[in-house]
Amino acid sequence: MAEVLQPHRQSEIPQLRHREFFEPVAHPINPTARHSTVPARYSAGPGRYHRTHAPLLGQDNHAVLAELGYSAEEVAALERDGVVGGTPHL
């Protein structure tokens, strides 16, 4: 038998803390969160694995739709009609 560890308590393991297994990731809306990294360190690898926060809802809409050929006016119409946007509809 072995002890079962809840995922949210992994940061309490001294070895993982010492290895800096968890990296802080700032977010523009939510508080800074600690994300797990990969279990191995590589001499030629990056010092940090999480460089940016997860994208916000709708953050890349304009760029993606422009790449698909939509004009700025068409994107504005899609936003106005509620087809795309950055606010969840609950």
PDB file of N, CA and C in Angstrom:
ATOM      1  N   MET A   1       0.834  -1.167   0.000  1.00  0.00           N
ATOM      2  CA  MET A   1       0.000   0.000   0.000  1.00  0.00           C
ATOM      3  C   MET A   1       0.888   1.243   0.000  1.00  0.00           C
ATOM      4  N   ALA A   2       0.400   2.231  -0.678  1.00  0.00           N
ATOM      5  CA  ALA A   2       1.101   3.509  -0.725  1.00  0.00           C
ATOM      6  C   ALA A   2       0.103   4.627  -0.477  1.00  0.00           C
ATOM      7  N   GLU A   3       0.617   5.711   0.014  1.00  0.00           N
ATOM      8  CA  GLU A   3      -0.227   6.874   0.270  1.00  0.00           C
ATOM      9  C   GLU A   3      -0.662   7.482  -1.060  1.00  0.00           C
ATOM     10  N   VAL A   4      -1.911   7.869  -1.130  1.00  0.00           N
ATOM     11  CA  VAL A   4      -2.431   8.548  -2.313  1.00  0.00           C
ATOM     12  C   VAL A   4      -2.316  10.049  -2.067  1.00  0.00           C
ATOM     13  N   LEU A   5      -1.723  10.728  -3.015  1.00  0.00           N
ATOM     14  CA  LEU A   5      -1.515  12.164  -2.869  1.00  0.00           C
ATOM     15  C   LEU A   5      -2.462  12.911  -3.788  1.00  0.00           C
ATOM     16  N   GLN A   6      -3.211  13.811  -3.231  1.00  0.00           N
ATOM     17  CA  GLN A   6      -4.103  14.653  -4.009  1.00  0.00           C
ATOM     18  C   GLN A   6      -3.249  15.549  -4.922  1.00  0.00           C
ATOM     19  N   PRO A   7      -3.657  15.747  -6.174  1.00  0.00           N
ATOM     20  CA  PRO A   7      -2.842  16.559  -7.098  1.00  0.00           C
ATOM     21  C   PRO A   7      -2.529  17.959  -6.580  1.00  0.00           C
ATOM     22  N   HIS A   8      -3.457  18.591  -5.905  1.00  0.00           N
ATOM     23  CA  HIS A   8      -3.213  19.955  -5.440  1.00  0.00           C
ATOM     24  C   HIS A   8      -2.205  20.007  -4.287  1.00  0.00           C
ATOM     25  N   ARG A   9      -1.812  18.845  -3.759  1.00  0.00           N
ATOM     26  CA  ARG A   9      -0.845  18.805  -2.663  1.00  0.00           C
ATOM     27  C   ARG A   9       0.553  18.435  -3.142  1.00  0.00           C
ATOM     28  N   GLN A  10       0.742  18.265  -4.454  1.00  0.00           N
ATOM     29  CA  GLN A  10       2.056  17.911  -4.981  1.00  0.00           C
ATOM     30  C   GLN A  10       3.112  18.950  -4.649  1.00  0.00           C
ATOM     31  N   SER A  11       2.723  20.194  -4.564  1.00  0.00           N
ATOM     32  CA  SER A  11       3.694  21.250  -4.279  1.00  0.00           C
ATOM     33  C   SER A  11       4.260  21.148  -2.867  1.00  0.00           C
ATOM     34  N   GLU A  12       3.687  20.290  -2.042  1.00  0.00           N
ATOM     35  CA  GLU A  12       4.194  20.101  -0.677  1.00  0.00           C
ATOM     36  C   GLU A  12       5.346  19.101  -0.618  1.00  0.00           C
ATOM     37  N   ILE A  13       5.655  18.420  -1.698  1.00  0.00           N
ATOM     38  CA  ILE A  13       6.733  17.436  -1.713  1.00  0.00           C
ATOM     39  C   ILE A  13       8.067  18.182  -1.750  1.00  0.00           C
ATOM     40  N   PRO A  14       8.906  18.016  -0.735  1.00  0.00           N
ATOM     41  CA  PRO A  14      10.167  18.767  -0.668  1.00  0.00           C
ATOM     42  C   PRO A  14      11.057  18.574  -1.894  1.00  0.00           C
ATOM     43  N   GLN A  15      11.157  17.365  -2.428  1.00  0.00           N
ATOM     44  CA  GLN A  15      12.019  17.119  -3.580  1.00  0.00           C
ATOM     45  C   GLN A  15      11.558  17.923  -4.795  1.00  0.00           C
ATOM     46  N   LEU A  16      10.257  17.989  -5.016  1.00  0.00           N
ATOM     47  CA  LEU A  16       9.750  18.750  -6.164  1.00  0.00           C
ATOM     48  C   LEU A  16       9.984  20.245  -5.976  1.00  0.00           C
ATOM     49  N   ARG A  17       9.825  20.725  -4.745  1.00  0.00           N
ATOM     50  CA  ARG A  17      10.104  22.144  -4.471  1.00  0.00           C
ATOM     51  C   ARG A  17      11.573  22.451  -4.716  1.00  0.00           C
ATOM     52  N   HIS A  18      12.463  21.568  -4.229  1.00  0.00           N
ATOM     53  CA  HIS A  18      13.902  21.780  -4.379  1.00  0.00           C
ATOM     54  C   HIS A  18      14.303  21.799  -5.857  1.00  0.00           C
ATOM     55  N   ARG A  19      13.705  20.947  -6.653  1.00  0.00           N
ATOM     56  CA  ARG A  19      14.017  20.864  -8.085  1.00  0.00           C
ATOM     57  C   ARG A  19      13.346  21.968  -8.891  1.00  0.00           C
ATOM     58  N   GLU A  20      12.561  22.801  -8.229  1.00  0.00           N
ATOM     59  CA  GLU A  20      11.796  23.863  -8.897  1.00  0.00           C
ATOM     60  C   GLU A  20      10.928  23.274 -10.003  1.00  0.00           C
ATOM     61  N   PHE A  21      10.255  22.186  -9.651  1.00  0.00           N
ATOM     62  CA  PHE A  21       9.383  21.483 -10.583  1.00  0.00           C
ATOM     63  C   PHE A  21       8.173  22.329 -10.961  1.00  0.00           C
ATOM     64  N   PHE A  22       7.779  23.226 -10.089  1.00  0.00           N
ATOM     65  CA  PHE A  22       6.621  24.083 -10.347  1.00  0.00           C
ATOM     66  C   PHE A  22       7.099  25.493 -10.662  1.00  0.00           C
ATOM     67  N   GLU A  23       6.577  26.054 -11.748  1.00  0.00           N
ATOM     68  CA  GLU A  23       6.940  27.406 -12.161  1.00  0.00           C
ATOM     69  C   GLU A  23       5.752  28.337 -11.981  1.00  0.00           C
ATOM     70  N   PRO A  24       5.998  29.535 -11.455  1.00  0.00           N
ATOM     71  CA  PRO A  24       4.900  30.501 -11.360  1.00  0.00           C
ATOM     72  C   PRO A  24       4.584  31.085 -12.734  1.00  0.00           C
ATOM     73  N   VAL A  25       3.305  31.178 -13.051  1.00  0.00           N
ATOM     74  CA  VAL A  25       2.861  31.748 -14.318  1.00  0.00           C
ATOM     75  C   VAL A  25       1.851  32.853 -14.014  1.00  0.00           C
ATOM     76  N   ALA A  26       2.211  34.069 -14.391  1.00  0.00           N
ATOM     77  CA  ALA A  26       1.319  35.211 -14.159  1.00  0.00           C
ATOM     78  C   ALA A  26       0.193  35.183 -15.191  1.00  0.00           C
ATOM     79  N   HIS A  27      -0.953  35.704 -14.791  1.00  0.00           N
ATOM     80  CA  HIS A  27      -2.123  35.739 -15.667  1.00  0.00           C
ATOM     81  C   HIS A  27      -2.775  37.108 -15.524  1.00  0.00           C
ATOM     82  N   PRO A  28      -3.260  37.697 -16.608  1.00  0.00           N
ATOM     83  CA  PRO A  28      -3.828  39.039 -16.517  1.00  0.00           C
ATOM     84  C   PRO A  28      -5.158  39.117 -15.770  1.00  0.00           C
ATOM     85  N   ILE A  29      -5.857  38.006 -15.617  1.00  0.00           N
ATOM     86  CA  ILE A  29      -7.152  38.026 -14.946  1.00  0.00           C
ATOM     87  C   ILE A  29      -7.112  37.261 -13.627  1.00  0.00           C
ATOM     88  N   ASN A  30      -6.557  36.067 -13.661  1.00  0.00           N
ATOM     89  CA  ASN A  30      -6.480  35.210 -12.473  1.00  0.00           C
ATOM     90  C   ASN A  30      -5.179  35.454 -11.730  1.00  0.00           C
ATOM     91  N   PRO A  31      -5.122  35.039 -10.464  1.00  0.00           N
ATOM     92  CA  PRO A  31      -3.859  35.197  -9.743  1.00  0.00           C
ATOM     93  C   PRO A  31      -2.766  34.297 -10.331  1.00  0.00           C
ATOM     94  N   THR A  32      -1.525  34.607 -10.001  1.00  0.00           N
ATOM     95  CA  THR A  32      -0.400  33.787 -10.447  1.00  0.00           C
ATOM     96  C   THR A  32      -0.603  32.356  -9.968  1.00  0.00           C
ATOM     97  N   ALA A  33      -0.376  31.410 -10.872  1.00  0.00           N
ATOM     98  CA  ALA A  33      -0.557  29.992 -10.551  1.00  0.00           C
ATOM     99  C   ALA A  33       0.753  29.260 -10.775  1.00  0.00           C
ATOM    100  N   ARG A  34       0.922  28.173 -10.060  1.00  0.00           N
ATOM    101  CA  ARG A  34       2.119  27.349 -10.211  1.00  0.00           C
ATOM    102  C   ARG A  34       1.789  26.169 -11.114  1.00  0.00           C
ATOM    103  N   HIS A  35       2.552  26.028 -12.204  1.00  0.00           N
ATOM    104  CA  HIS A  35       2.334  24.963 -13.171  1.00  0.00           C
ATOM    105  C   HIS A  35       3.490  23.968 -13.109  1.00  0.00           C
ATOM    106  N   SER A  36       3.182  22.697 -13.272  1.00  0.00           N
ATOM    107  CA  SER A  36       4.235  21.688 -13.267  1.00  0.00           C
ATOM    108  C   SER A  36       5.009  21.733 -14.580  1.00  0.00           C
ATOM    109  N   THR A  37       6.268  21.339 -14.506  1.00  0.00           N
ATOM    110  CA  THR A  37       7.123  21.307 -15.684  1.00  0.00           C
ATOM    111  C   THR A  37       7.343  19.855 -16.089  1.00  0.00           C
ATOM    112  N   VAL A  38       8.370  19.598 -16.866  1.00  0.00           N
ATOM    113  CA  VAL A  38       8.706  18.227 -17.252  1.00  0.00           C
ATOM    114  C   VAL A  38       9.539  17.596 -16.135  1.00  0.00           C
ATOM    115  N   PRO A  39       9.519  16.280 -15.997  1.00  0.00           N
ATOM    116  CA  PRO A  39      10.217  15.641 -14.875  1.00  0.00           C
ATOM    117  C   PRO A  39      11.736  15.605 -15.010  1.00  0.00           C
ATOM    118  N   ALA A  40      12.292  15.978 -16.145  1.00  0.00           N
ATOM    119  CA  ALA A  40      13.741  15.954 -16.330  1.00  0.00           C
ATOM    120  C   ALA A  40      14.238  17.347 -16.694  1.00  0.00           C
ATOM    121  N   ARG A  41      15.486  17.617 -16.339  1.00  0.00           N
ATOM    122  CA  ARG A  41      16.147  18.870 -16.723  1.00  0.00           C
ATOM    123  C   ARG A  41      17.207  18.538 -17.760  1.00  0.00           C
ATOM    124  N   TYR A  42      17.313  19.360 -18.781  1.00  0.00           N
ATOM    125  CA  TYR A  42      18.264  19.130 -19.857  1.00  0.00           C
ATOM    126  C   TYR A  42      19.276  20.269 -19.881  1.00  0.00           C
ATOM    127  N   SER A  43      20.555  19.926 -20.031  1.00  0.00           N
ATOM    128  CA  SER A  43      21.593  20.953 -19.999  1.00  0.00           C
ATOM    129  C   SER A  43      21.417  21.972 -21.122  1.00  0.00           C
ATOM    130  N   ALA A  44      20.913  21.535 -22.267  1.00  0.00           N
ATOM    131  CA  ALA A  44      20.712  22.456 -23.387  1.00  0.00           C
ATOM    132  C   ALA A  44      19.255  22.909 -23.495  1.00  0.00           C
ATOM    133  N   GLY A  45      18.445  22.524 -22.533  1.00  0.00           N
ATOM    134  CA  GLY A  45      17.023  22.855 -22.587  1.00  0.00           C
ATOM    135  C   GLY A  45      16.729  24.242 -22.048  1.00  0.00           C
ATOM    136  N   PRO A  46      15.501  24.667 -22.154  1.00  0.00           N
ATOM    137  CA  PRO A  46      15.127  25.995 -21.635  1.00  0.00           C
ATOM    138  C   PRO A  46      15.141  26.010 -20.107  1.00  0.00           C
ATOM    139  N   GLY A  47      15.409  27.174 -19.559  1.00  0.00           N
ATOM    140  CA  GLY A  47      15.367  27.317 -18.103  1.00  0.00           C
ATOM    141  C   GLY A  47      13.942  27.294 -17.586  1.00  0.00           C
ATOM    142  N   ARG A  48      13.027  27.805 -18.384  1.00  0.00           N
ATOM    143  CA  ARG A  48      11.605  27.811 -18.026  1.00  0.00           C
ATOM    144  C   ARG A  48      10.816  27.172 -19.160  1.00  0.00           C
ATOM    145  N   TYR A  49       9.749  26.493 -18.791  1.00  0.00           N
ATOM    146  CA  TYR A  49       8.910  25.853 -19.803  1.00  0.00           C
ATOM    147  C   TYR A  49       7.632  26.642 -20.056  1.00  0.00           C
ATOM    148  N   HIS A  50       7.133  27.311 -19.040  1.00  0.00           N
ATOM    149  CA  HIS A  50       5.899  28.084 -19.177  1.00  0.00           C
ATOM    150  C   HIS A  50       6.280  29.561 -19.258  1.00  0.00           C
ATOM    151  N   ARG A  51       6.285  30.086 -20.465  1.00  0.00           N
ATOM    152  CA  ARG A  51       6.703  31.480 -20.643  1.00  0.00           C
ATOM    153  C   ARG A  51       5.534  32.450 -20.659  1.00  0.00           C
ATOM    154  N   THR A  52       4.361  31.961 -21.027  1.00  0.00           N
ATOM    155  CA  THR A  52       3.189  32.835 -21.084  1.00  0.00           C
ATOM    156  C   THR A  52       1.982  32.109 -20.504  1.00  0.00           C
ATOM    157  N   HIS A  53       0.981  32.873 -20.175  1.00  0.00           N
ATOM    158  CA  HIS A  53      -0.266  32.305 -19.677  1.00  0.00           C
ATOM    159  C   HIS A  53      -1.066  31.710 -20.834  1.00  0.00           C
ATOM    160  N   ALA A  54      -2.072  30.962 -20.500  1.00  0.00           N
ATOM    161  CA  ALA A  54      -2.964  30.417 -21.525  1.00  0.00           C
ATOM    162  C   ALA A  54      -3.664  31.576 -22.228  1.00  0.00           C
ATOM    163  N   PRO A  55      -3.973  31.421 -23.498  1.00  0.00           N
ATOM    164  CA  PRO A  55      -4.641  32.528 -24.194  1.00  0.00           C
ATOM    165  C   PRO A  55      -6.015  32.815 -23.600  1.00  0.00           C
ATOM    166  N   LEU A  56      -6.378  34.063 -23.631  1.00  0.00           N
ATOM    167  CA  LEU A  56      -7.694  34.468 -23.156  1.00  0.00           C
ATOM    168  C   LEU A  56      -8.741  34.150 -24.220  1.00  0.00           C
ATOM    169  N   LEU A  57      -9.969  34.030 -23.795  1.00  0.00           N
ATOM    170  CA  LEU A  57     -11.055  33.751 -24.727  1.00  0.00           C
ATOM    171  C   LEU A  57     -11.121  34.857 -25.781  1.00  0.00           C
ATOM    172  N   GLY A  58     -11.008  34.483 -27.035  1.00  0.00           N
ATOM    173  CA  GLY A  58     -11.103  35.442 -28.131  1.00  0.00           C
ATOM    174  C   GLY A  58      -9.846  36.242 -28.398  1.00  0.00           C
ATOM    175  N   GLN A  59      -8.780  35.950 -27.679  1.00  0.00           N
ATOM    176  CA  GLN A  59      -7.552  36.744 -27.789  1.00  0.00           C
ATOM    177  C   GLN A  59      -7.006  36.788 -29.210  1.00  0.00           C
ATOM    178  N   ASP A  60      -7.100  35.706 -29.936  1.00  0.00           N
ATOM    179  CA  ASP A  60      -6.519  35.634 -31.274  1.00  0.00           C
ATOM    180  C   ASP A  60      -7.558  35.682 -32.387  1.00  0.00           C
ATOM    181  N   ASN A  61      -8.788  36.033 -32.070  1.00  0.00           N
ATOM    182  CA  ASN A  61      -9.855  36.035 -33.076  1.00  0.00           C
ATOM    183  C   ASN A  61      -9.492  36.843 -34.318  1.00  0.00           C
ATOM    184  N   HIS A  62      -9.049  38.074 -34.125  1.00  0.00           N
ATOM    185  CA  HIS A  62      -8.780  38.952 -35.267  1.00  0.00           C
ATOM    186  C   HIS A  62      -7.678  38.381 -36.157  1.00  0.00           C
ATOM    187  N   ALA A  63      -6.596  37.907 -35.547  1.00  0.00           N
ATOM    188  CA  ALA A  63      -5.479  37.373 -36.331  1.00  0.00           C
ATOM    189  C   ALA A  63      -5.887  36.115 -37.092  1.00  0.00           C
ATOM    190  N   VAL A  64      -6.608  35.213 -36.434  1.00  0.00           N
ATOM    191  CA  VAL A  64      -7.013  33.962 -37.078  1.00  0.00           C
ATOM    192  C   VAL A  64      -8.000  34.237 -38.208  1.00  0.00           C
ATOM    193  N   LEU A  65      -8.987  35.077 -37.939  1.00  0.00           N
ATOM    194  CA  LEU A  65      -9.987  35.364 -38.970  1.00  0.00           C
ATOM    195  C   LEU A  65      -9.375  36.133 -40.141  1.00  0.00           C
ATOM    196  N   ALA A  66      -8.421  37.013 -39.857  1.00  0.00           N
ATOM    197  CA  ALA A  66      -7.736  37.720 -40.950  1.00  0.00           C
ATOM    198  C   ALA A  66      -6.944  36.739 -41.805  1.00  0.00           C
ATOM    199  N   GLU A  67      -6.314  35.774 -41.151  1.00  0.00           N
ATOM    200  CA  GLU A  67      -5.562  34.760 -41.892  1.00  0.00           C
ATOM    201  C   GLU A  67      -6.486  33.910 -42.764  1.00  0.00           C
ATOM    202  N   LEU A  68      -7.721  33.759 -42.323  1.00  0.00           N
ATOM    203  CA  LEU A  68      -8.708  33.007 -43.103  1.00  0.00           C
ATOM    204  C   LEU A  68      -9.361  33.849 -44.195  1.00  0.00           C
ATOM    205  N   GLY A  69      -8.980  35.137 -44.259  1.00  0.00           N
ATOM    206  CA  GLY A  69      -9.470  35.983 -45.340  1.00  0.00           C
ATOM    207  C   GLY A  69     -10.585  36.936 -44.955  1.00  0.00           C
ATOM    208  N   TYR A  70     -10.973  36.996 -43.699  1.00  0.00           N
ATOM    209  CA  TYR A  70     -12.030  37.922 -43.274  1.00  0.00           C
ATOM    210  C   TYR A  70     -11.471  39.336 -43.175  1.00  0.00           C
ATOM    211  N   SER A  71     -12.246  40.300 -43.628  1.00  0.00           N
ATOM    212  CA  SER A  71     -11.849  41.706 -43.514  1.00  0.00           C
ATOM    213  C   SER A  71     -12.167  42.193 -42.105  1.00  0.00           C
ATOM    214  N   ALA A  72     -11.621  43.351 -41.760  1.00  0.00           N
ATOM    215  CA  ALA A  72     -11.892  43.935 -40.445  1.00  0.00           C
ATOM    216  C   ALA A  72     -13.384  44.209 -40.270  1.00  0.00           C
ATOM    217  N   GLU A  73     -14.049  44.617 -41.343  1.00  0.00           N
ATOM    218  CA  GLU A  73     -15.488  44.888 -41.275  1.00  0.00           C
ATOM    219  C   GLU A  73     -16.275  43.598 -41.025  1.00  0.00           C
ATOM    220  N   GLU A  74     -15.865  42.512 -41.688  1.00  0.00           N
ATOM    221  CA  GLU A  74     -16.552  41.227 -41.491  1.00  0.00           C
ATOM    222  C   GLU A  74     -16.357  40.711 -40.065  1.00  0.00           C
ATOM    223  N   VAL A  75     -15.163  40.881 -39.521  1.00  0.00           N
ATOM    224  CA  VAL A  75     -14.898  40.457 -38.140  1.00  0.00           C
ATOM    225  C   VAL A  75     -15.740  41.287 -37.180  1.00  0.00           C
ATOM    226  N   ALA A  76     -15.833  42.590 -37.427  1.00  0.00           N
ATOM    227  CA  ALA A  76     -16.656  43.460 -36.582  1.00  0.00           C
ATOM    228  C   ALA A  76     -18.114  43.018 -36.626  1.00  0.00           C
ATOM    229  N   ALA A  77     -18.597  42.620 -37.798  1.00  0.00           N
ATOM    230  CA  ALA A  77     -19.982  42.149 -37.921  1.00  0.00           C
ATOM    231  C   ALA A  77     -20.176  40.842 -37.139  1.00  0.00           C
ATOM    232  N   LEU A  78     -19.203  39.945 -37.203  1.00  0.00           N
ATOM    233  CA  LEU A  78     -19.292  38.687 -36.445  1.00  0.00           C
ATOM    234  C   LEU A  78     -19.322  38.966 -34.945  1.00  0.00           C
ATOM    235  N   GLU A  79     -18.515  39.936 -34.499  1.00  0.00           N
ATOM    236  CA  GLU A  79     -18.528  40.308 -33.083  1.00  0.00           C
ATOM    237  C   GLU A  79     -19.867  40.928 -32.693  1.00  0.00           C
ATOM    238  N   ARG A  80     -20.354  41.824 -33.524  1.00  0.00           N
ATOM    239  CA  ARG A  80     -21.630  42.501 -33.251  1.00  0.00           C
ATOM    240  C   ARG A  80     -22.779  41.497 -33.159  1.00  0.00           C
ATOM    241  N   ASP A  81     -22.736  40.465 -34.016  1.00  0.00           N
ATOM    242  CA  ASP A  81     -23.796  39.451 -34.038  1.00  0.00           C
ATOM    243  C   ASP A  81     -23.603  38.366 -32.981  1.00  0.00           C
ATOM    244  N   GLY A  82     -22.497  38.455 -32.212  1.00  0.00           N
ATOM    245  CA  GLY A  82     -22.279  37.466 -31.156  1.00  0.00           C
ATOM    246  C   GLY A  82     -21.733  36.142 -31.625  1.00  0.00           C
ATOM    247  N   VAL A  83     -21.252  36.087 -32.866  1.00  0.00           N
ATOM    248  CA  VAL A  83     -20.699  34.837 -33.399  1.00  0.00           C
ATOM    249  C   VAL A  83     -19.335  34.568 -32.791  1.00  0.00           C
ATOM    250  N   VAL A  84     -18.522  35.597 -32.656  1.00  0.00           N
ATOM    251  CA  VAL A  84     -17.218  35.512 -32.008  1.00  0.00           C
ATOM    252  C   VAL A  84     -17.134  36.614 -30.971  1.00  0.00           C
ATOM    253  N   GLY A  85     -16.198  36.476 -30.054  1.00  0.00           N
ATOM    254  CA  GLY A  85     -16.021  37.500 -29.043  1.00  0.00           C
ATOM    255  C   GLY A  85     -15.126  37.021 -27.933  1.00  0.00           C
ATOM    256  N   GLY A  86     -14.977  37.844 -26.929  1.00  0.00           N
ATOM    257  CA  GLY A  86     -14.104  37.520 -25.814  1.00  0.00           C
ATOM    258  C   GLY A  86     -14.834  37.392 -24.500  1.00  0.00           C
ATOM    259  N   THR A  87     -16.153  37.396 -24.549  1.00  0.00           N
ATOM    260  CA  THR A  87     -16.944  37.283 -23.317  1.00  0.00           C
ATOM    261  C   THR A  87     -17.782  36.021 -23.387  1.00  0.00           C
ATOM    262  N   PRO A  88     -17.666  35.148 -22.373  1.00  0.00           N
ATOM    263  CA  PRO A  88     -18.495  33.930 -22.414  1.00  0.00           C
ATOM    264  C   PRO A  88     -19.967  34.269 -22.192  1.00  0.00           C
ATOM    265  N   HIS A  89     -20.817  33.558 -22.876  1.00  0.00           N
ATOM    266  CA  HIS A  89     -22.257  33.735 -22.709  1.00  0.00           C
ATOM    267  C   HIS A  89     -22.767  32.608 -21.826  1.00  0.00           C
ATOM    268  N   LEU A  90     -23.069  32.948 -20.610  1.00  0.00           N
ATOM    269  CA  LEU A  90     -23.509  31.937 -19.647  1.00  0.00           C
ATOM    270  C   LEU A  90     -25.008  31.849 -19.571  1.00  0.00           C
TER     271      LEU A  90
END
